[in-house]
Every structure is written in C-alpha cells, then in structure tokens.
Amino acid sequence: MPQKPAPMAETFQPGEIQDVVVRDLRRFNDRRGWLCEAFRAEWEPDVAGAQVNVSSSAPGVLRGSHVHGRHTDYFVLASGAATVGLKDLRRASPAFGRTWLVGLDAQRPEALIVPAGVLHGLYFSVQSLLVSVESDTYDPTEEIGCSWDDPQLAIPLPFRDPILSDNDRRAGAFAETMRALEPWQGSFRIPAPG
C-alpha cells in the first residue's frame, strides 16, 4: 500500500525581489515514476487557483515579458528547463527597479510565485511543459507587455533571438509599460519588511 506523503516542509528561498518566492517541492518516487505536490492553497493563500494553464514550449521560446495589474502567477515546470527574468515595477516596493534571473529545472521541482506588479518573461532552452496556477482568470486588460530587449528593462537574459508570440513581438517600450501600469500601482500588496 502506498504511503501517504508527509506535509510539505516550509522551505522558502528569499529572492532578490520582495514577495517573489522560489519554493522547493518534494518528489515522491516509486517504481512507476514520481508524483510531486505542485500546489496547495495553504502554501500560497494569495493564489486562489482561479485558472490553471498548461503550456508546451519549444526550445528558444520566450513567453513575455509582461506584468499583471491584478493577478499572481504560480509556475511549476512539469518537464524541461526555463530561465525567468524578473523586474519589480511596484513603486512602493523596497525592491522597485531590481532585476533577478531565476533558473527552473523540472529535475529539481520548485514553484516560482510572481506577484502582480513584477514583470516576468520565461525563456525555454529545451522542450518544456509549464503548469501555471493563476489567482484570477485571464483578462487581457490587466496584462501589460514590454519589449524583452528594451535597454531600460535591463534584464540580462541569456539569449539573442527568441521565438515570440505575435503579442510579445508587438509589446511596447519599457516607458509605455510603466505608464500603462500606473493605474494599478496603488493596489499592489507590498509585504511589511522583516
């Protein structure tokens, strides 16, 4: 009879951007393969799980860069690897303007939690399968794109010519992104220091 998995230990890795978290996930292996608890509401109460997406990305794909005005993203790689470029655009955040590169690899299960107001783009160097839990259903009016290679964005991404969607190819300059995000600035949750 299979054993019931033990509750997830609280293993957090504080990031370079306040409120962005990389969470270690446990894999339970047996002769059939493995199971990984990817999400529990108690781990991240701000992500109610209003929508779950699964996306497949070919090598060289960049999804983004964009920022959400309202919802939090909770990313888990089911297969493959990704480099995630992040930039805090929340004016009230102590990390405002700070960038961070996070490497995700399905062989080392982790969840990446990205709050509203933090710009992000996910680059896949190999064929990958991404599971995204969204705190709100998709609404194109609260997703604001930004040209991934705008010098003002200043995220040191490790590629030159990514495969982009039509929307990401048409994304505006960093200054336009900041103007479009302005109406949301007062609504971002900024955790208290310490």
N, C-alpha and C. Protein backbone atom coordinates (compact mmCIF):
# COMPACT_ATOMS: atom_id res chain seq x y z
N MET A 1 0.84 -1.18 0.00
CA MET A 1 0.00 0.00 0.00
C MET A 1 0.89 1.25 0.00
N PRO A 2 0.65 2.22 -0.92
CA PRO A 2 1.49 3.41 -0.97
C PRO A 2 1.36 4.23 0.30
N GLN A 3 2.47 4.82 0.69
CA GLN A 3 2.46 5.68 1.86
C GLN A 3 1.91 7.06 1.51
N LYS A 4 1.18 7.63 2.48
CA LYS A 4 0.67 8.99 2.29
C LYS A 4 1.84 9.95 2.44
N PRO A 5 2.00 10.93 1.49
CA PRO A 5 3.11 11.85 1.60
C PRO A 5 3.00 12.69 2.86
N ALA A 6 4.16 12.97 3.45
CA ALA A 6 4.21 13.85 4.63
C ALA A 6 3.90 15.28 4.18
N PRO A 7 3.38 16.12 5.09
CA PRO A 7 3.13 17.51 4.72
C PRO A 7 4.41 18.18 4.27
N MET A 8 4.25 19.13 3.36
CA MET A 8 5.37 19.88 2.80
C MET A 8 6.07 20.66 3.90
N ALA A 9 7.37 20.53 3.99
CA ALA A 9 8.15 21.32 4.94
C ALA A 9 8.23 22.76 4.43
N GLU A 10 8.29 23.68 5.35
CA GLU A 10 8.39 25.09 4.97
C GLU A 10 9.82 25.39 4.55
N THR A 11 10.10 25.29 3.26
CA THR A 11 11.44 25.58 2.77
C THR A 11 11.34 26.69 1.74
N PHE A 12 11.58 27.89 2.18
CA PHE A 12 11.50 29.05 1.31
C PHE A 12 12.89 29.54 0.98
N GLN A 13 13.06 30.08 -0.19
CA GLN A 13 14.29 30.74 -0.58
C GLN A 13 13.95 32.20 -0.85
N PRO A 14 14.36 33.11 0.03
CA PRO A 14 14.04 34.51 -0.23
C PRO A 14 14.74 34.98 -1.50
N GLY A 15 14.06 35.76 -2.27
CA GLY A 15 14.60 36.20 -3.54
C GLY A 15 15.16 37.59 -3.51
N GLU A 16 15.62 38.00 -4.66
CA GLU A 16 16.16 39.33 -4.83
C GLU A 16 15.06 40.37 -4.92
N ILE A 17 13.82 39.94 -5.16
CA ILE A 17 12.68 40.83 -5.25
C ILE A 17 11.69 40.42 -4.17
N GLN A 18 11.38 41.35 -3.28
CA GLN A 18 10.48 41.06 -2.17
C GLN A 18 9.16 40.51 -2.69
N ASP A 19 8.68 39.43 -2.07
CA ASP A 19 7.41 38.80 -2.35
C ASP A 19 7.45 37.85 -3.55
N VAL A 20 8.60 37.75 -4.26
CA VAL A 20 8.78 36.71 -5.26
C VAL A 20 9.47 35.55 -4.54
N VAL A 21 8.90 34.36 -4.64
CA VAL A 21 9.38 33.22 -3.87
C VAL A 21 9.66 32.05 -4.80
N VAL A 22 10.78 31.37 -4.56
CA VAL A 22 11.05 30.08 -5.19
C VAL A 22 10.85 29.04 -4.09
N ARG A 23 9.89 28.14 -4.27
CA ARG A 23 9.54 27.15 -3.25
C ARG A 23 10.01 25.77 -3.70
N ASP A 24 10.81 25.11 -2.85
CA ASP A 24 11.19 23.72 -3.12
C ASP A 24 9.96 22.84 -3.04
N LEU A 25 9.85 21.89 -3.95
CA LEU A 25 8.76 20.93 -3.95
C LEU A 25 9.33 19.53 -3.75
N ARG A 26 8.58 18.67 -3.07
CA ARG A 26 9.04 17.30 -2.84
C ARG A 26 8.53 16.37 -3.91
N ARG A 27 9.43 15.49 -4.35
CA ARG A 27 9.06 14.42 -5.27
C ARG A 27 8.97 13.13 -4.49
N PHE A 28 7.93 12.35 -4.78
CA PHE A 28 7.75 11.05 -4.17
C PHE A 28 7.95 10.01 -5.27
N ASN A 29 9.06 9.28 -5.20
CA ASN A 29 9.43 8.31 -6.23
C ASN A 29 8.98 6.90 -5.85
N ASP A 30 8.57 6.15 -6.84
CA ASP A 30 8.36 4.72 -6.68
C ASP A 30 8.62 4.06 -8.02
N ARG A 31 8.36 2.76 -8.13
CA ARG A 31 8.72 2.03 -9.36
C ARG A 31 7.95 2.49 -10.59
N ARG A 32 6.84 3.22 -10.41
CA ARG A 32 6.04 3.70 -11.54
C ARG A 32 6.57 5.02 -12.10
N GLY A 33 7.34 5.75 -11.30
CA GLY A 33 7.80 7.09 -11.68
C GLY A 33 7.81 7.98 -10.46
N TRP A 34 7.18 9.14 -10.55
CA TRP A 34 7.14 10.04 -9.40
C TRP A 34 5.87 10.88 -9.39
N LEU A 35 5.55 11.40 -8.22
CA LEU A 35 4.45 12.32 -8.02
C LEU A 35 5.01 13.52 -7.26
N CYS A 36 4.57 14.70 -7.64
CA CYS A 36 5.00 15.92 -6.97
C CYS A 36 3.77 16.76 -6.64
N GLU A 37 3.61 17.08 -5.37
CA GLU A 37 2.56 18.01 -4.99
C GLU A 37 3.02 19.38 -5.44
N ALA A 38 2.36 19.92 -6.45
CA ALA A 38 2.81 21.18 -7.05
C ALA A 38 2.17 22.40 -6.41
N PHE A 39 0.96 22.25 -5.86
CA PHE A 39 0.27 23.41 -5.30
C PHE A 39 -0.71 23.00 -4.24
N ARG A 40 -0.71 23.73 -3.14
CA ARG A 40 -1.73 23.61 -2.10
C ARG A 40 -2.12 25.03 -1.71
N ALA A 41 -3.40 25.29 -1.56
CA ALA A 41 -3.87 26.63 -1.22
C ALA A 41 -3.24 27.14 0.06
N GLU A 42 -2.98 26.25 1.01
CA GLU A 42 -2.39 26.69 2.28
C GLU A 42 -0.95 27.19 2.11
N TRP A 43 -0.26 26.76 1.05
CA TRP A 43 1.10 27.23 0.82
C TRP A 43 1.12 28.68 0.34
N GLU A 44 0.13 29.05 -0.43
CA GLU A 44 0.11 30.38 -1.05
C GLU A 44 -1.32 30.90 -1.08
N PRO A 45 -1.80 31.45 0.05
CA PRO A 45 -3.21 31.87 0.12
C PRO A 45 -3.58 32.97 -0.87
N ASP A 46 -2.60 33.72 -1.38
CA ASP A 46 -2.91 34.78 -2.35
C ASP A 46 -3.24 34.23 -3.73
N VAL A 47 -2.97 32.94 -3.96
CA VAL A 47 -3.28 32.32 -5.24
C VAL A 47 -4.45 31.37 -5.00
N ALA A 48 -5.64 31.85 -5.27
CA ALA A 48 -6.84 31.06 -5.02
C ALA A 48 -7.04 29.96 -6.06
N GLY A 49 -6.27 29.99 -7.12
CA GLY A 49 -6.40 28.96 -8.15
C GLY A 49 -7.61 29.14 -9.04
N ALA A 50 -7.85 30.36 -9.49
CA ALA A 50 -9.00 30.64 -10.34
C ALA A 50 -8.86 30.02 -11.73
N GLN A 51 -7.63 29.83 -12.18
CA GLN A 51 -7.40 29.26 -13.51
C GLN A 51 -6.08 28.50 -13.49
N VAL A 52 -6.04 27.35 -14.14
CA VAL A 52 -4.81 26.57 -14.28
C VAL A 52 -4.55 26.40 -15.77
N ASN A 53 -3.33 26.70 -16.19
CA ASN A 53 -2.93 26.57 -17.58
C ASN A 53 -1.78 25.58 -17.68
N VAL A 54 -1.70 24.87 -18.79
CA VAL A 54 -0.57 24.02 -19.11
C VAL A 54 -0.10 24.46 -20.49
N SER A 55 1.18 24.81 -20.60
CA SER A 55 1.70 25.24 -21.90
C SER A 55 2.94 24.43 -22.27
N SER A 56 3.05 24.13 -23.54
CA SER A 56 4.22 23.46 -24.08
C SER A 56 5.02 24.49 -24.86
N SER A 57 6.34 24.50 -24.64
CA SER A 57 7.20 25.47 -25.32
C SER A 57 8.36 24.76 -25.99
N ALA A 58 8.61 25.11 -27.23
CA ALA A 58 9.74 24.57 -27.98
C ALA A 58 11.03 25.25 -27.53
N PRO A 59 12.19 24.63 -27.81
CA PRO A 59 13.46 25.29 -27.47
C PRO A 59 13.55 26.66 -28.14
N GLY A 60 13.97 27.67 -27.38
CA GLY A 60 14.14 29.01 -27.92
C GLY A 60 12.94 29.92 -27.74
N VAL A 61 11.86 29.44 -27.10
CA VAL A 61 10.65 30.25 -26.91
C VAL A 61 10.82 31.16 -25.70
N LEU A 62 10.36 32.41 -25.87
CA LEU A 62 10.24 33.35 -24.75
C LEU A 62 8.76 33.69 -24.61
N ARG A 63 8.21 33.46 -23.43
CA ARG A 63 6.82 33.85 -23.12
C ARG A 63 6.91 35.10 -22.26
N GLY A 64 6.52 36.22 -22.84
CA GLY A 64 6.64 37.53 -22.18
C GLY A 64 7.67 38.34 -22.95
N SER A 65 8.02 39.41 -22.38
CA SER A 65 7.90 39.84 -20.99
C SER A 65 6.61 40.64 -20.80
N HIS A 66 5.99 40.42 -19.62
CA HIS A 66 4.77 41.14 -19.31
C HIS A 66 4.61 41.24 -17.80
N VAL A 67 3.68 42.08 -17.40
CA VAL A 67 3.37 42.30 -15.99
C VAL A 67 1.86 42.30 -15.84
N HIS A 68 1.37 41.80 -14.70
CA HIS A 68 -0.06 41.78 -14.44
C HIS A 68 -0.41 42.86 -13.43
N GLY A 69 -1.55 43.49 -13.66
CA GLY A 69 -2.01 44.51 -12.73
C GLY A 69 -2.73 43.93 -11.54
N ARG A 70 -3.28 42.72 -11.68
CA ARG A 70 -4.13 42.19 -10.62
C ARG A 70 -3.71 40.80 -10.12
N HIS A 71 -3.27 39.92 -10.98
CA HIS A 71 -3.14 38.54 -10.51
C HIS A 71 -1.71 38.08 -10.26
N THR A 72 -1.62 37.08 -9.38
CA THR A 72 -0.36 36.42 -9.03
C THR A 72 -0.24 35.15 -9.88
N ASP A 73 0.98 34.89 -10.36
CA ASP A 73 1.28 33.66 -11.10
C ASP A 73 2.03 32.69 -10.19
N TYR A 74 1.73 31.40 -10.32
CA TYR A 74 2.39 30.34 -9.58
C TYR A 74 2.84 29.33 -10.63
N PHE A 75 4.14 29.27 -10.92
CA PHE A 75 4.69 28.47 -12.01
C PHE A 75 5.38 27.21 -11.49
N VAL A 76 5.11 26.07 -12.16
CA VAL A 76 5.82 24.82 -11.89
C VAL A 76 6.14 24.18 -13.23
N LEU A 77 7.41 23.80 -13.43
CA LEU A 77 7.79 23.09 -14.65
C LEU A 77 7.52 21.61 -14.48
N ALA A 78 6.75 21.03 -15.39
CA ALA A 78 6.49 19.59 -15.37
C ALA A 78 7.60 18.84 -16.11
N SER A 79 8.20 19.50 -17.12
CA SER A 79 9.36 18.93 -17.82
C SER A 79 10.14 20.08 -18.42
N GLY A 80 11.44 19.83 -18.61
CA GLY A 80 12.27 20.83 -19.27
C GLY A 80 12.96 21.78 -18.30
N ALA A 81 13.30 22.95 -18.83
CA ALA A 81 14.04 23.95 -18.05
C ALA A 81 13.67 25.34 -18.57
N ALA A 82 13.76 26.32 -17.67
CA ALA A 82 13.44 27.70 -18.04
C ALA A 82 14.34 28.67 -17.27
N THR A 83 14.58 29.80 -17.89
CA THR A 83 15.20 30.94 -17.22
C THR A 83 14.14 32.02 -17.16
N VAL A 84 13.86 32.52 -15.96
CA VAL A 84 12.83 33.52 -15.77
C VAL A 84 13.49 34.84 -15.42
N GLY A 85 13.25 35.85 -16.27
CA GLY A 85 13.73 37.20 -16.00
C GLY A 85 12.64 37.99 -15.31
N LEU A 86 12.98 38.64 -14.19
CA LEU A 86 12.01 39.37 -13.38
C LEU A 86 12.49 40.79 -13.15
N LYS A 87 11.53 41.72 -13.05
CA LYS A 87 11.85 43.10 -12.66
C LYS A 87 10.68 43.64 -11.85
N ASP A 88 10.98 44.16 -10.66
CA ASP A 88 9.95 44.70 -9.77
C ASP A 88 9.55 46.09 -10.26
N LEU A 89 8.29 46.24 -10.66
CA LEU A 89 7.78 47.52 -11.15
C LEU A 89 6.82 48.17 -10.16
N ARG A 90 6.74 47.65 -8.94
CA ARG A 90 5.86 48.20 -7.91
C ARG A 90 6.58 49.37 -7.22
N ARG A 91 6.12 50.57 -7.48
CA ARG A 91 6.81 51.77 -6.97
C ARG A 91 6.97 51.76 -5.45
N ALA A 92 6.02 51.19 -4.71
CA ALA A 92 6.09 51.20 -3.24
C ALA A 92 6.98 50.08 -2.68
N SER A 93 7.48 49.21 -3.54
CA SER A 93 8.28 48.08 -3.08
C SER A 93 9.71 48.52 -2.77
N PRO A 94 10.30 47.99 -1.70
CA PRO A 94 11.72 48.27 -1.43
C PRO A 94 12.63 47.76 -2.54
N ALA A 95 12.13 46.81 -3.35
CA ALA A 95 12.93 46.25 -4.45
C ALA A 95 12.58 46.89 -5.80
N PHE A 96 11.87 48.02 -5.80
CA PHE A 96 11.47 48.68 -7.05
C PHE A 96 12.67 48.85 -7.98
N GLY A 97 12.51 48.39 -9.23
CA GLY A 97 13.55 48.50 -10.23
C GLY A 97 14.56 47.38 -10.24
N ARG A 98 14.55 46.53 -9.22
CA ARG A 98 15.53 45.44 -9.12
C ARG A 98 15.18 44.33 -10.10
N THR A 99 16.20 43.72 -10.70
CA THR A 99 16.01 42.58 -11.61
C THR A 99 16.56 41.32 -10.96
N TRP A 100 16.08 40.18 -11.47
CA TRP A 100 16.52 38.89 -10.93
C TRP A 100 16.32 37.84 -12.01
N LEU A 101 17.30 36.97 -12.20
CA LEU A 101 17.17 35.80 -13.09
C LEU A 101 17.02 34.57 -12.22
N VAL A 102 16.00 33.75 -12.50
CA VAL A 102 15.76 32.52 -11.75
C VAL A 102 15.79 31.36 -12.74
N GLY A 103 16.57 30.35 -12.44
CA GLY A 103 16.60 29.14 -13.25
C GLY A 103 15.69 28.09 -12.66
N LEU A 104 14.82 27.53 -13.50
CA LEU A 104 13.94 26.44 -13.08
C LEU A 104 14.28 25.20 -13.90
N ASP A 105 14.25 24.05 -13.26
CA ASP A 105 14.54 22.78 -13.92
C ASP A 105 13.60 21.73 -13.36
N ALA A 106 12.89 21.03 -14.23
CA ALA A 106 11.91 20.04 -13.78
C ALA A 106 12.57 18.91 -12.99
N GLN A 107 13.86 18.68 -13.17
CA GLN A 107 14.56 17.65 -12.41
C GLN A 107 14.75 18.05 -10.94
N ARG A 108 14.57 19.32 -10.65
CA ARG A 108 14.67 19.86 -9.29
C ARG A 108 13.37 20.63 -9.03
N PRO A 109 12.31 19.94 -8.66
CA PRO A 109 10.98 20.57 -8.59
C PRO A 109 10.94 21.79 -7.66
N GLU A 110 10.47 22.88 -8.20
CA GLU A 110 10.28 24.12 -7.47
C GLU A 110 9.06 24.83 -8.03
N ALA A 111 8.50 25.71 -7.24
CA ALA A 111 7.44 26.60 -7.70
C ALA A 111 7.97 28.02 -7.62
N LEU A 112 7.64 28.82 -8.61
CA LEU A 112 8.01 30.23 -8.62
C LEU A 112 6.73 31.04 -8.50
N ILE A 113 6.63 31.87 -7.46
CA ILE A 113 5.45 32.69 -7.23
C ILE A 113 5.80 34.13 -7.59
N VAL A 114 5.05 34.69 -8.56
CA VAL A 114 5.31 36.04 -9.06
C VAL A 114 4.07 36.90 -8.80
N PRO A 115 4.18 37.89 -7.89
CA PRO A 115 3.01 38.71 -7.57
C PRO A 115 2.71 39.74 -8.66
N ALA A 116 1.50 40.27 -8.62
CA ALA A 116 1.13 41.36 -9.52
C ALA A 116 2.12 42.50 -9.35
N GLY A 117 2.47 43.15 -10.46
CA GLY A 117 3.39 44.27 -10.43
C GLY A 117 4.84 43.90 -10.66
N VAL A 118 5.14 42.59 -10.75
CA VAL A 118 6.51 42.14 -11.05
C VAL A 118 6.51 41.61 -12.48
N LEU A 119 7.24 42.30 -13.35
CA LEU A 119 7.35 41.91 -14.75
C LEU A 119 8.13 40.60 -14.85
N HIS A 120 7.73 39.75 -15.79
CA HIS A 120 8.40 38.46 -15.94
C HIS A 120 8.33 37.98 -17.38
N GLY A 121 9.37 37.26 -17.77
CA GLY A 121 9.43 36.58 -19.06
C GLY A 121 10.08 35.24 -18.84
N LEU A 122 9.53 34.19 -19.45
CA LEU A 122 10.04 32.83 -19.27
C LEU A 122 10.66 32.35 -20.57
N TYR A 123 11.95 32.04 -20.52
CA TYR A 123 12.68 31.55 -21.69
C TYR A 123 12.96 30.06 -21.51
N PHE A 124 12.64 29.29 -22.55
CA PHE A 124 12.79 27.84 -22.50
C PHE A 124 13.91 27.42 -23.46
N SER A 125 15.01 26.91 -22.91
CA SER A 125 16.15 26.50 -23.73
C SER A 125 15.96 25.10 -24.31
N VAL A 126 15.05 24.32 -23.74
CA VAL A 126 14.74 22.97 -24.20
C VAL A 126 13.22 22.81 -24.25
N GLN A 127 12.74 21.77 -24.93
CA GLN A 127 11.31 21.48 -24.95
C GLN A 127 10.82 21.38 -23.51
N SER A 128 9.76 22.12 -23.17
CA SER A 128 9.32 22.21 -21.77
C SER A 128 7.81 22.21 -21.67
N LEU A 129 7.33 21.77 -20.51
CA LEU A 129 5.92 21.79 -20.17
C LEU A 129 5.77 22.57 -18.86
N LEU A 130 4.99 23.65 -18.91
CA LEU A 130 4.82 24.54 -17.77
C LEU A 130 3.39 24.49 -17.28
N VAL A 131 3.22 24.35 -15.97
CA VAL A 131 1.91 24.43 -15.32
C VAL A 131 1.85 25.77 -14.60
N SER A 132 0.80 26.55 -14.88
CA SER A 132 0.62 27.86 -14.26
C SER A 132 -0.70 27.88 -13.51
N VAL A 133 -0.65 28.24 -12.23
CA VAL A 133 -1.86 28.47 -11.45
C VAL A 133 -2.00 29.98 -11.33
N GLU A 134 -3.15 30.48 -11.75
CA GLU A 134 -3.38 31.93 -11.76
C GLU A 134 -4.37 32.28 -10.65
N SER A 135 -4.12 33.39 -9.96
CA SER A 135 -5.02 33.80 -8.88
C SER A 135 -6.32 34.41 -9.40
N ASP A 136 -6.37 34.69 -10.69
CA ASP A 136 -7.55 35.27 -11.31
C ASP A 136 -7.66 34.72 -12.73
N THR A 137 -8.86 34.73 -13.30
CA THR A 137 -9.00 34.26 -14.67
C THR A 137 -8.37 35.27 -15.63
N TYR A 138 -8.00 34.79 -16.81
CA TYR A 138 -7.32 35.64 -17.79
C TYR A 138 -8.17 36.84 -18.17
N ASP A 139 -7.55 38.00 -18.14
CA ASP A 139 -8.17 39.26 -18.54
C ASP A 139 -7.11 40.06 -19.27
N PRO A 140 -7.22 40.20 -20.59
CA PRO A 140 -6.17 40.89 -21.35
C PRO A 140 -5.97 42.34 -20.93
N THR A 141 -6.94 42.94 -20.27
CA THR A 141 -6.78 44.34 -19.87
C THR A 141 -5.81 44.52 -18.71
N GLU A 142 -5.49 43.44 -17.98
CA GLU A 142 -4.55 43.59 -16.87
C GLU A 142 -3.20 42.93 -17.16
N GLU A 143 -2.98 42.53 -18.39
CA GLU A 143 -1.68 42.01 -18.81
C GLU A 143 -1.03 43.05 -19.70
N ILE A 144 0.11 43.57 -19.26
CA ILE A 144 0.78 44.66 -19.97
C ILE A 144 2.13 44.14 -20.46
N GLY A 145 2.31 44.13 -21.77
CA GLY A 145 3.54 43.64 -22.36
C GLY A 145 4.64 44.67 -22.35
N CYS A 146 5.87 44.17 -22.47
CA CYS A 146 7.05 45.03 -22.56
C CYS A 146 8.05 44.35 -23.49
N SER A 147 8.62 45.10 -24.38
CA SER A 147 9.62 44.53 -25.29
C SER A 147 10.77 43.95 -24.48
N TRP A 148 11.02 42.67 -24.66
CA TRP A 148 12.01 41.95 -23.86
C TRP A 148 13.41 42.52 -23.97
N ASP A 149 13.71 43.18 -25.10
CA ASP A 149 15.07 43.67 -25.32
C ASP A 149 15.20 45.19 -25.17
N ASP A 150 14.21 45.84 -24.57
CA ASP A 150 14.30 47.28 -24.31
C ASP A 150 15.44 47.51 -23.33
N PRO A 151 16.39 48.39 -23.68
CA PRO A 151 17.54 48.63 -22.80
C PRO A 151 17.14 49.10 -21.39
N GLN A 152 16.02 49.82 -21.26
CA GLN A 152 15.59 50.28 -19.94
C GLN A 152 15.08 49.13 -19.06
N LEU A 153 14.66 48.04 -19.68
CA LEU A 153 14.23 46.87 -18.91
C LEU A 153 15.43 46.28 -18.17
N ALA A 154 16.56 46.21 -18.83
CA ALA A 154 17.85 45.85 -18.22
C ALA A 154 17.84 44.51 -17.49
N ILE A 155 17.17 43.52 -18.05
CA ILE A 155 17.25 42.16 -17.52
C ILE A 155 18.29 41.42 -18.37
N PRO A 156 19.34 40.87 -17.75
CA PRO A 156 20.42 40.23 -18.52
C PRO A 156 20.03 38.83 -19.01
N LEU A 157 19.13 38.77 -19.96
CA LEU A 157 18.62 37.50 -20.46
C LEU A 157 19.69 36.79 -21.30
N PRO A 158 19.77 35.45 -21.22
CA PRO A 158 20.87 34.69 -21.85
C PRO A 158 20.59 34.23 -23.28
N PHE A 159 20.03 35.10 -24.11
CA PHE A 159 19.74 34.72 -25.49
C PHE A 159 19.67 35.98 -26.34
N ARG A 160 19.58 35.79 -27.68
CA ARG A 160 19.56 36.94 -28.59
C ARG A 160 18.31 37.01 -29.45
N ASP A 161 17.84 35.91 -29.96
CA ASP A 161 16.76 35.93 -30.94
C ASP A 161 15.69 34.90 -30.58
N PRO A 162 14.86 35.18 -29.57
CA PRO A 162 13.90 34.18 -29.13
C PRO A 162 12.71 34.06 -30.08
N ILE A 163 12.01 32.95 -29.96
CA ILE A 163 10.74 32.75 -30.67
C ILE A 163 9.66 33.42 -29.82
N LEU A 164 8.92 34.37 -30.42
CA LEU A 164 7.93 35.16 -29.69
C LEU A 164 6.53 34.96 -30.28
N SER A 165 5.52 35.17 -29.46
CA SER A 165 4.15 35.23 -29.97
C SER A 165 3.98 36.57 -30.69
N ASP A 166 2.93 36.71 -31.48
CA ASP A 166 2.65 37.99 -32.14
C ASP A 166 2.47 39.10 -31.11
N ASN A 167 1.75 38.82 -30.01
CA ASN A 167 1.55 39.83 -28.97
C ASN A 167 2.87 40.26 -28.34
N ASP A 168 3.74 39.30 -28.03
CA ASP A 168 5.03 39.65 -27.42
C ASP A 168 5.91 40.41 -28.40
N ARG A 169 5.80 40.11 -29.68
CA ARG A 169 6.58 40.82 -30.70
C ARG A 169 6.13 42.28 -30.80
N ARG A 170 4.83 42.54 -30.57
CA ARG A 170 4.28 43.90 -30.65
C ARG A 170 4.36 44.67 -29.33
N ALA A 171 4.89 44.06 -28.29
CA ALA A 171 4.92 44.69 -26.96
C ALA A 171 5.66 46.03 -27.03
N GLY A 172 5.19 46.96 -26.21
CA GLY A 172 5.73 48.31 -26.22
C GLY A 172 7.03 48.46 -25.46
N ALA A 173 7.52 49.69 -25.47
CA ALA A 173 8.76 50.04 -24.78
C ALA A 173 8.53 50.04 -23.27
N PHE A 174 9.60 49.99 -22.52
CA PHE A 174 9.53 49.97 -21.06
C PHE A 174 8.78 51.19 -20.52
N ALA A 175 9.04 52.36 -21.07
CA ALA A 175 8.36 53.57 -20.61
C ALA A 175 6.84 53.45 -20.80
N GLU A 176 6.40 52.86 -21.92
CA GLU A 176 4.97 52.65 -22.16
C GLU A 176 4.39 51.66 -21.14
N THR A 177 5.14 50.63 -20.81
CA THR A 177 4.70 49.64 -19.82
C THR A 177 4.48 50.32 -18.47
N MET A 178 5.42 51.17 -18.07
CA MET A 178 5.30 51.87 -16.78
C MET A 178 4.07 52.79 -16.77
N ARG A 179 3.82 53.48 -17.89
CA ARG A 179 2.63 54.35 -17.96
C ARG A 179 1.35 53.53 -17.87
N ALA A 180 1.30 52.40 -18.58
CA ALA A 180 0.10 51.56 -18.58
C ALA A 180 -0.13 50.92 -17.21
N LEU A 181 0.93 50.69 -16.45
CA LEU A 181 0.82 50.06 -15.14
C LEU A 181 0.41 51.05 -14.04
N GLU A 182 0.55 52.33 -14.31
CA GLU A 182 0.31 53.36 -13.29
C GLU A 182 -1.04 53.23 -12.57
N PRO A 183 -2.17 52.98 -13.25
CA PRO A 183 -3.44 52.87 -12.53
C PRO A 183 -3.48 51.75 -11.48
N TRP A 184 -2.60 50.75 -11.63
CA TRP A 184 -2.58 49.61 -10.71
C TRP A 184 -1.68 49.85 -9.51
N GLN A 185 -0.80 50.84 -9.57
CA GLN A 185 0.25 50.99 -8.55
C GLN A 185 -0.28 51.02 -7.12
N GLY A 186 -1.41 51.66 -6.87
CA GLY A 186 -1.95 51.75 -5.52
C GLY A 186 -2.55 50.47 -4.99
N SER A 187 -2.74 49.48 -5.86
CA SER A 187 -3.40 48.24 -5.43
C SER A 187 -2.44 47.10 -5.14
N PHE A 188 -1.14 47.26 -5.41
CA PHE A 188 -0.20 46.17 -5.20
C PHE A 188 0.02 45.93 -3.72
N ARG A 189 0.00 44.64 -3.35
CA ARG A 189 0.26 44.26 -1.96
C ARG A 189 1.77 44.22 -1.77
N ILE A 190 2.25 45.04 -0.86
CA ILE A 190 3.68 45.05 -0.54
C ILE A 190 3.81 44.55 0.89
N PRO A 191 4.54 43.43 1.09
CA PRO A 191 4.66 42.90 2.45
C PRO A 191 5.47 43.83 3.34
N ALA A 192 5.17 43.80 4.61
CA ALA A 192 5.93 44.60 5.57
C ALA A 192 7.35 44.04 5.68
N PRO A 193 8.35 44.91 5.81
CA PRO A 193 9.73 44.43 5.96
C PRO A 193 9.90 43.55 7.20
N GLY A 194 10.84 42.63 7.09
CA GLY A 194 11.17 41.80 8.24
C GLY A 194 10.36 40.60 8.28
